[in-house]
Amino acid sequence: MAKPGRLGVGIVGAGKVGAVLGAALRAAEHAVVGVSAVSEASRERAETLLPGVPVLEVQDIVERAELVLLAVPDDALPGLVDGLAKLGAWQPGQLVAHTSGRFGVGVLHPVRAAGAVPLALHPAMTFTGMSLDLTRLLDCTFGVTADAAMLPIAQALVVEMGAEPVAIAEADRTLYHAALAHGSNHMVTLVAQASELLREVGVELPERMLGPLLRATLENALASGESALTGPVARGDVGTVAAHAEALREFDGGGHGDVLAAYLAMARATALRAEGRGLLKADQLEGLREALDPKED
């Protein structure tokens, strides 16, 4: 017998997020009644993670589902929600959840106007779109936004997927998403830049050199915060920082590439935080500022 409270779930968008969350809800014994998949990659993903689930048009999915999961890009979400409202697709009592980090439930105003229940369920995780993501969900948190009376429903759905819900206020959604993007997306850029520099000096496997260092750094930073900070900026080694900047300027072709700009910006931010923690004296901070001042060609 099915568990009580099982829902018919419709997945709009079989991208990396939608297909994985659909599979997680299915594992919790909800019935996935349909999925939309336009590209070949999306169809393959749906077939792999949601075998047997029919690929349907979006309006058909909304018509069949008690819970609609909108897993589409941020910029596409408002138009999709409004367009379906104009078609009269939303149904009273229906649960409608999106997976956007940027938006709360305000973007689902047309859903609310139709008598449906708006929810925002954003997984704070990067997805591959493969089955290994289901295991990662077990160590994942979701930024959840909903009306106070409906928040327990949103939280319960996240728990059923094996993750931990964290309530985020509607007004804080953009800052919340900026925090995650800054930490995750920019980390990828930093790793790519560091790898590029190492390959430039003949390191054939930069990931082998960077892996242990970056994993230890991340673990230390998460466990100890800014007290884990080390390196020439935190020590006030002005000469070393100046040498770094000059070497990167030469590598970047006079400072017109992206590596120098990223180094200078992060070093300045690091210097200010180190000074705020009492690690740098005033003269050291001033010396670092001079070393990090962009030089004209």
Protein backbone atom coordinates (compact mmCIF):
# COMPACT_ATOMS: atom_id res chain seq x y z
CA MET A 1 0.00 0.00 0.00
CA ALA A 2 1.16 3.51 -0.76
CA LYS A 3 2.14 5.81 2.07
CA PRO A 4 -0.48 8.40 3.01
CA GLY A 5 -0.07 11.82 1.46
CA ARG A 6 1.60 10.56 -1.72
CA LEU A 7 1.30 13.03 -4.58
CA GLY A 8 1.18 12.93 -8.33
CA VAL A 9 4.27 14.94 -9.31
CA GLY A 10 4.86 16.69 -12.60
CA ILE A 11 8.39 17.78 -13.52
CA VAL A 12 8.70 20.79 -15.82
CA GLY A 13 12.28 20.70 -17.07
CA ALA A 14 14.36 17.52 -17.17
CA GLY A 15 17.60 19.39 -16.69
CA LYS A 16 20.20 18.25 -14.19
CA VAL A 17 18.14 19.50 -11.22
CA GLY A 18 14.63 18.54 -12.30
CA ALA A 19 15.44 14.96 -13.24
CA VAL A 20 17.34 14.31 -10.01
CA LEU A 21 14.71 15.84 -7.73
CA GLY A 22 12.02 13.96 -9.61
CA ALA A 23 13.90 10.73 -8.98
CA ALA A 24 14.26 11.62 -5.29
CA LEU A 25 10.52 12.28 -4.95
CA ARG A 26 9.83 9.03 -6.76
CA ALA A 27 12.09 7.21 -4.31
CA ALA A 28 9.91 8.68 -1.54
CA GLU A 29 6.98 6.88 -3.22
CA HIS A 30 5.41 9.88 -4.88
CA ALA A 31 4.17 9.13 -8.39
CA VAL A 32 5.87 11.12 -11.15
CA VAL A 33 3.05 11.52 -13.68
CA GLY A 34 4.95 13.35 -16.40
CA VAL A 35 8.11 15.21 -17.32
CA SER A 36 8.88 17.80 -19.98
CA ALA A 37 12.09 17.30 -21.94
CA VAL A 38 12.90 19.25 -25.08
CA SER A 39 16.56 18.59 -25.84
CA GLU A 40 18.06 15.20 -26.60
CA ALA A 41 20.18 15.43 -23.44
CA SER A 42 17.06 16.10 -21.36
CA ARG A 43 15.24 13.16 -22.89
CA GLU A 44 18.16 10.86 -22.18
CA ARG A 45 18.34 12.16 -18.61
CA ALA A 46 14.62 11.59 -18.11
CA GLU A 47 14.88 8.08 -19.49
CA THR A 48 17.79 7.28 -17.18
CA LEU A 49 16.55 8.83 -13.94
CA LEU A 50 12.80 8.61 -14.50
CA PRO A 51 12.29 5.40 -16.50
CA GLY A 52 8.73 4.81 -17.55
CA VAL A 53 7.62 8.39 -16.90
CA PRO A 54 5.88 9.84 -19.97
CA VAL A 55 7.41 12.88 -21.66
CA LEU A 56 4.55 15.36 -22.01
CA GLU A 57 3.82 18.94 -22.96
CA VAL A 58 4.04 21.38 -20.06
CA GLN A 59 0.32 22.15 -19.97
CA ASP A 60 -0.51 18.45 -19.87
CA ILE A 61 1.87 17.96 -16.95
CA VAL A 62 0.28 20.79 -14.97
CA GLU A 63 -3.19 19.38 -15.67
CA ARG A 64 -2.24 15.93 -14.30
CA ALA A 65 -0.11 16.89 -11.30
CA GLU A 66 -0.94 17.59 -7.68
CA LEU A 67 2.62 18.90 -7.20
CA VAL A 68 4.26 20.73 -10.09
CA LEU A 69 8.04 21.13 -9.85
CA LEU A 70 9.32 23.96 -12.04
CA ALA A 71 13.01 23.24 -12.65
CA VAL A 72 13.80 25.85 -15.30
CA PRO A 73 16.44 28.63 -15.56
CA ASP A 74 15.82 31.68 -13.37
CA ASP A 75 15.19 34.05 -16.27
CA ALA A 76 12.63 31.67 -17.83
CA LEU A 77 10.60 31.20 -14.65
CA PRO A 78 8.47 34.39 -14.56
CA GLY A 79 7.37 34.04 -18.18
CA LEU A 80 6.55 30.35 -17.77
CA VAL A 81 4.44 30.95 -14.66
CA ASP A 82 2.59 33.88 -16.22
CA GLY A 83 2.04 32.07 -19.51
CA LEU A 84 0.49 29.06 -17.80
CA ALA A 85 -1.72 31.38 -15.76
CA LYS A 86 -3.03 33.00 -18.95
CA LEU A 87 -3.89 29.52 -20.23
CA GLY A 88 -5.82 28.84 -17.01
CA ALA A 89 -3.53 25.91 -16.23
CA TRP A 90 -3.04 26.40 -12.48
CA GLN A 91 -5.55 24.59 -10.28
CA PRO A 92 -6.89 25.49 -6.82
CA GLY A 93 -5.13 23.53 -4.09
CA GLN A 94 -2.32 22.43 -6.38
CA LEU A 95 1.23 22.64 -4.98
CA VAL A 96 3.60 24.54 -7.27
CA ALA A 97 7.29 24.57 -6.34
CA HIS A 98 10.21 26.07 -8.22
CA THR A 99 13.90 25.30 -7.76
CA SER A 100 15.32 28.78 -8.42
CA GLY A 101 17.75 30.17 -5.88
CA ARG A 102 17.12 33.78 -6.80
CA PHE A 103 13.35 33.84 -6.39
CA GLY A 104 11.08 33.23 -3.43
CA VAL A 105 7.34 32.77 -3.76
CA GLY A 106 6.66 36.27 -5.09
CA VAL A 107 7.42 35.12 -8.63
CA LEU A 108 4.57 32.61 -8.23
CA HIS A 109 1.93 35.31 -7.71
CA PRO A 110 -0.14 34.04 -10.67
CA VAL A 111 -0.13 30.62 -9.02
CA ARG A 112 -1.43 32.07 -5.76
CA ALA A 113 -4.07 34.09 -7.63
CA ALA A 114 -5.42 30.86 -9.10
CA GLY A 115 -5.77 29.30 -5.65
CA ALA A 116 -2.68 27.08 -5.90
CA VAL A 117 0.04 26.93 -3.25
CA PRO A 118 3.44 28.50 -4.06
CA LEU A 119 6.67 27.00 -2.71
CA ALA A 120 10.36 27.75 -3.33
CA LEU A 121 12.69 24.75 -2.91
CA HIS A 122 16.28 25.48 -3.91
CA PRO A 123 18.94 22.78 -3.41
CA ALA A 124 22.26 24.28 -2.30
CA MET A 125 24.24 21.84 -4.38
CA THR A 126 25.83 21.61 -7.80
CA PHE A 127 24.34 18.85 -9.94
CA THR A 128 25.77 16.48 -12.52
CA GLY A 129 22.39 15.16 -13.62
CA MET A 130 23.44 11.60 -12.83
CA SER A 131 22.35 9.09 -10.20
CA LEU A 132 25.27 9.98 -7.91
CA ASP A 133 23.43 13.25 -7.17
CA LEU A 134 20.83 11.23 -5.27
CA THR A 135 23.49 10.25 -2.77
CA ARG A 136 24.72 13.84 -2.54
CA LEU A 137 21.22 14.97 -1.60
CA LEU A 138 21.66 13.16 1.70
CA ASP A 139 24.29 15.73 2.68
CA CYS A 140 22.53 18.69 1.12
CA THR A 141 20.44 21.61 2.41
CA PHE A 142 17.63 23.40 0.59
CA GLY A 143 16.81 27.08 0.86
CA VAL A 144 13.04 26.95 1.47
CA THR A 145 10.59 29.83 1.22
CA ALA A 146 6.82 29.58 1.66
CA ASP A 147 3.93 31.23 3.42
CA ALA A 148 4.08 30.48 7.15
CA ALA A 149 1.12 28.09 7.03
CA MET A 150 2.64 26.20 4.09
CA LEU A 151 6.24 26.10 5.28
CA PRO A 152 5.82 22.66 6.93
CA ILE A 153 4.73 21.23 3.57
CA ALA A 154 7.83 22.62 1.86
CA GLN A 155 10.04 21.34 4.65
CA ALA A 156 8.45 17.89 4.54
CA LEU A 157 9.07 17.57 0.80
CA VAL A 158 12.74 18.39 1.29
CA VAL A 159 13.07 15.90 4.14
CA GLU A 160 11.44 13.22 1.99
CA MET A 161 14.13 13.82 -0.63
CA GLY A 162 16.71 13.08 2.06
CA ALA A 163 17.93 16.65 2.50
CA GLU A 164 17.71 19.33 5.19
CA PRO A 165 15.41 22.37 4.78
CA VAL A 166 16.60 25.82 5.86
CA ALA A 167 14.02 28.62 5.87
CA ILE A 168 15.00 31.72 3.87
CA ALA A 169 12.91 34.89 4.08
CA GLU A 170 11.39 36.15 0.84
CA ALA A 171 13.34 39.42 1.03
CA ASP A 172 16.63 37.57 1.50
CA ARG A 173 16.47 35.22 -1.50
CA THR A 174 18.73 37.21 -3.83
CA LEU A 175 21.43 37.70 -1.19
CA TYR A 176 21.15 34.03 -0.25
CA HIS A 177 21.65 33.00 -3.86
CA ALA A 178 24.53 35.45 -4.32
CA ALA A 179 26.29 33.82 -1.37
CA LEU A 180 26.02 30.38 -2.90
CA ALA A 181 27.03 31.52 -6.39
CA HIS A 182 30.00 33.46 -5.02
CA GLY A 183 31.20 30.48 -3.02
CA SER A 184 30.58 27.73 -5.56
CA ASN A 185 30.73 29.18 -9.06
CA HIS A 186 33.71 31.41 -8.38
CA MET A 187 35.53 28.50 -6.80
CA VAL A 188 35.40 26.75 -10.17
CA THR A 189 36.92 29.83 -11.81
CA LEU A 190 39.68 30.03 -9.21
CA VAL A 191 40.55 26.35 -9.62
CA ALA A 192 40.61 26.72 -13.40
CA GLN A 193 42.92 29.73 -13.16
CA ALA A 194 45.27 28.03 -10.70
CA SER A 195 45.38 24.94 -12.93
CA GLU A 196 46.18 27.09 -15.94
CA LEU A 197 49.11 28.69 -14.14
CA LEU A 198 50.48 25.34 -13.03
CA ARG A 199 50.28 23.94 -16.55
CA GLU A 200 52.13 27.02 -17.74
CA VAL A 201 55.10 26.10 -15.52
CA GLY A 202 55.09 22.46 -16.63
CA VAL A 203 52.88 20.71 -14.07
CA GLU A 204 51.17 18.01 -16.13
CA LEU A 205 48.57 17.08 -13.53
CA PRO A 206 47.60 20.28 -11.72
CA GLU A 207 44.57 18.57 -10.19
CA ARG A 208 46.94 16.19 -8.39
CA MET A 209 48.85 19.11 -6.89
CA LEU A 210 45.83 21.27 -6.11
CA GLY A 211 43.48 18.54 -4.85
CA PRO A 212 44.97 17.88 -1.40
CA LEU A 213 45.65 21.59 -0.83
CA LEU A 214 42.18 22.80 -1.80
CA ARG A 215 40.35 20.03 0.03
CA ALA A 216 42.28 20.78 3.22
CA THR A 217 41.73 24.52 2.77
CA LEU A 218 37.98 24.09 2.32
CA GLU A 219 37.68 21.77 5.31
CA ASN A 220 39.71 24.14 7.48
CA ALA A 221 37.71 27.18 6.35
CA LEU A 222 34.38 25.47 7.03
CA ALA A 223 35.53 24.24 10.42
CA SER A 224 37.45 27.31 11.63
CA GLY A 225 36.24 30.22 9.53
CA GLU A 226 38.70 33.02 8.86
CA SER A 227 41.05 31.83 11.57
CA ALA A 228 42.14 29.24 8.99
CA LEU A 229 43.54 32.01 6.78
CA THR A 230 47.21 31.62 5.83
CA GLY A 231 49.45 32.86 3.04
CA PRO A 232 51.43 35.97 2.10
CA VAL A 233 48.54 38.44 2.29
CA ALA A 234 47.58 37.37 5.82
CA ARG A 235 51.25 37.53 6.85
CA GLY A 236 51.73 40.97 5.33
CA ASP A 237 54.47 39.72 2.97
CA VAL A 238 54.27 42.74 0.70
CA GLY A 239 57.24 41.78 -1.43
CA THR A 240 55.80 38.36 -2.21
CA VAL A 241 52.40 39.77 -3.10
CA ALA A 242 54.01 42.39 -5.36
CA ALA A 243 56.02 39.66 -7.09
CA HIS A 244 52.86 37.61 -7.59
CA ALA A 245 51.10 40.58 -9.16
CA GLU A 246 53.99 41.27 -11.52
CA ALA A 247 54.28 37.63 -12.60
CA LEU A 248 50.54 37.44 -13.24
CA ARG A 249 50.63 40.73 -15.14
CA GLU A 250 53.26 39.28 -17.44
CA PHE A 251 51.34 36.01 -17.79
CA ASP A 252 48.14 37.87 -18.61
CA GLY A 253 49.80 39.93 -21.33
CA GLY A 254 50.09 43.21 -19.48
CA GLY A 255 47.16 42.58 -17.18
CA HIS A 256 44.49 42.33 -19.85
CA GLY A 257 43.41 38.79 -18.96
CA ASP A 258 41.20 37.44 -16.20
CA VAL A 259 43.76 35.87 -13.85
CA LEU A 260 45.42 39.07 -12.65
CA ALA A 261 42.08 40.81 -12.13
CA ALA A 262 40.81 37.91 -10.01
CA TYR A 263 44.02 37.73 -7.96
CA LEU A 264 44.04 41.47 -7.25
CA ALA A 265 40.36 41.53 -6.26
CA MET A 266 40.60 38.53 -3.93
CA ALA A 267 43.91 39.67 -2.44
CA ARG A 268 42.41 43.08 -1.62
CA ALA A 269 39.40 41.43 0.03
CA THR A 270 41.69 39.07 1.94
CA ALA A 271 43.83 41.98 3.13
CA LEU A 272 40.82 43.86 4.47
CA ARG A 273 39.55 40.78 6.31
CA ALA A 274 43.01 40.03 7.70
CA GLU A 275 43.33 43.61 8.93
CA GLY A 276 39.87 43.38 10.51
CA ARG A 277 41.01 40.31 12.46
CA GLY A 278 44.10 42.10 13.73
CA LEU A 279 46.52 40.06 11.59
CA LEU A 280 47.93 43.08 9.76
CA LYS A 281 49.36 46.35 11.00
CA ALA A 282 48.40 49.62 9.35
CA ASP A 283 51.72 49.90 7.48
CA GLN A 284 51.39 46.33 6.20
CA LEU A 285 47.88 47.00 4.92
CA GLU A 286 49.07 50.15 3.16
CA GLY A 287 51.97 48.25 1.62
CA LEU A 288 49.62 45.58 0.34
CA ARG A 289 47.32 48.21 -1.15
CA GLU A 290 50.23 49.70 -3.07
CA ALA A 291 51.36 46.27 -4.26
CA LEU A 292 47.85 45.46 -5.43
CA ASP A 293 47.29 48.77 -7.21
CA PRO A 294 46.90 48.04 -10.95
CA LYS A 295 49.88 49.34 -12.90
CA GLU A 296 49.37 51.10 -16.20
CA ASP A 297 51.13 49.64 -19.24
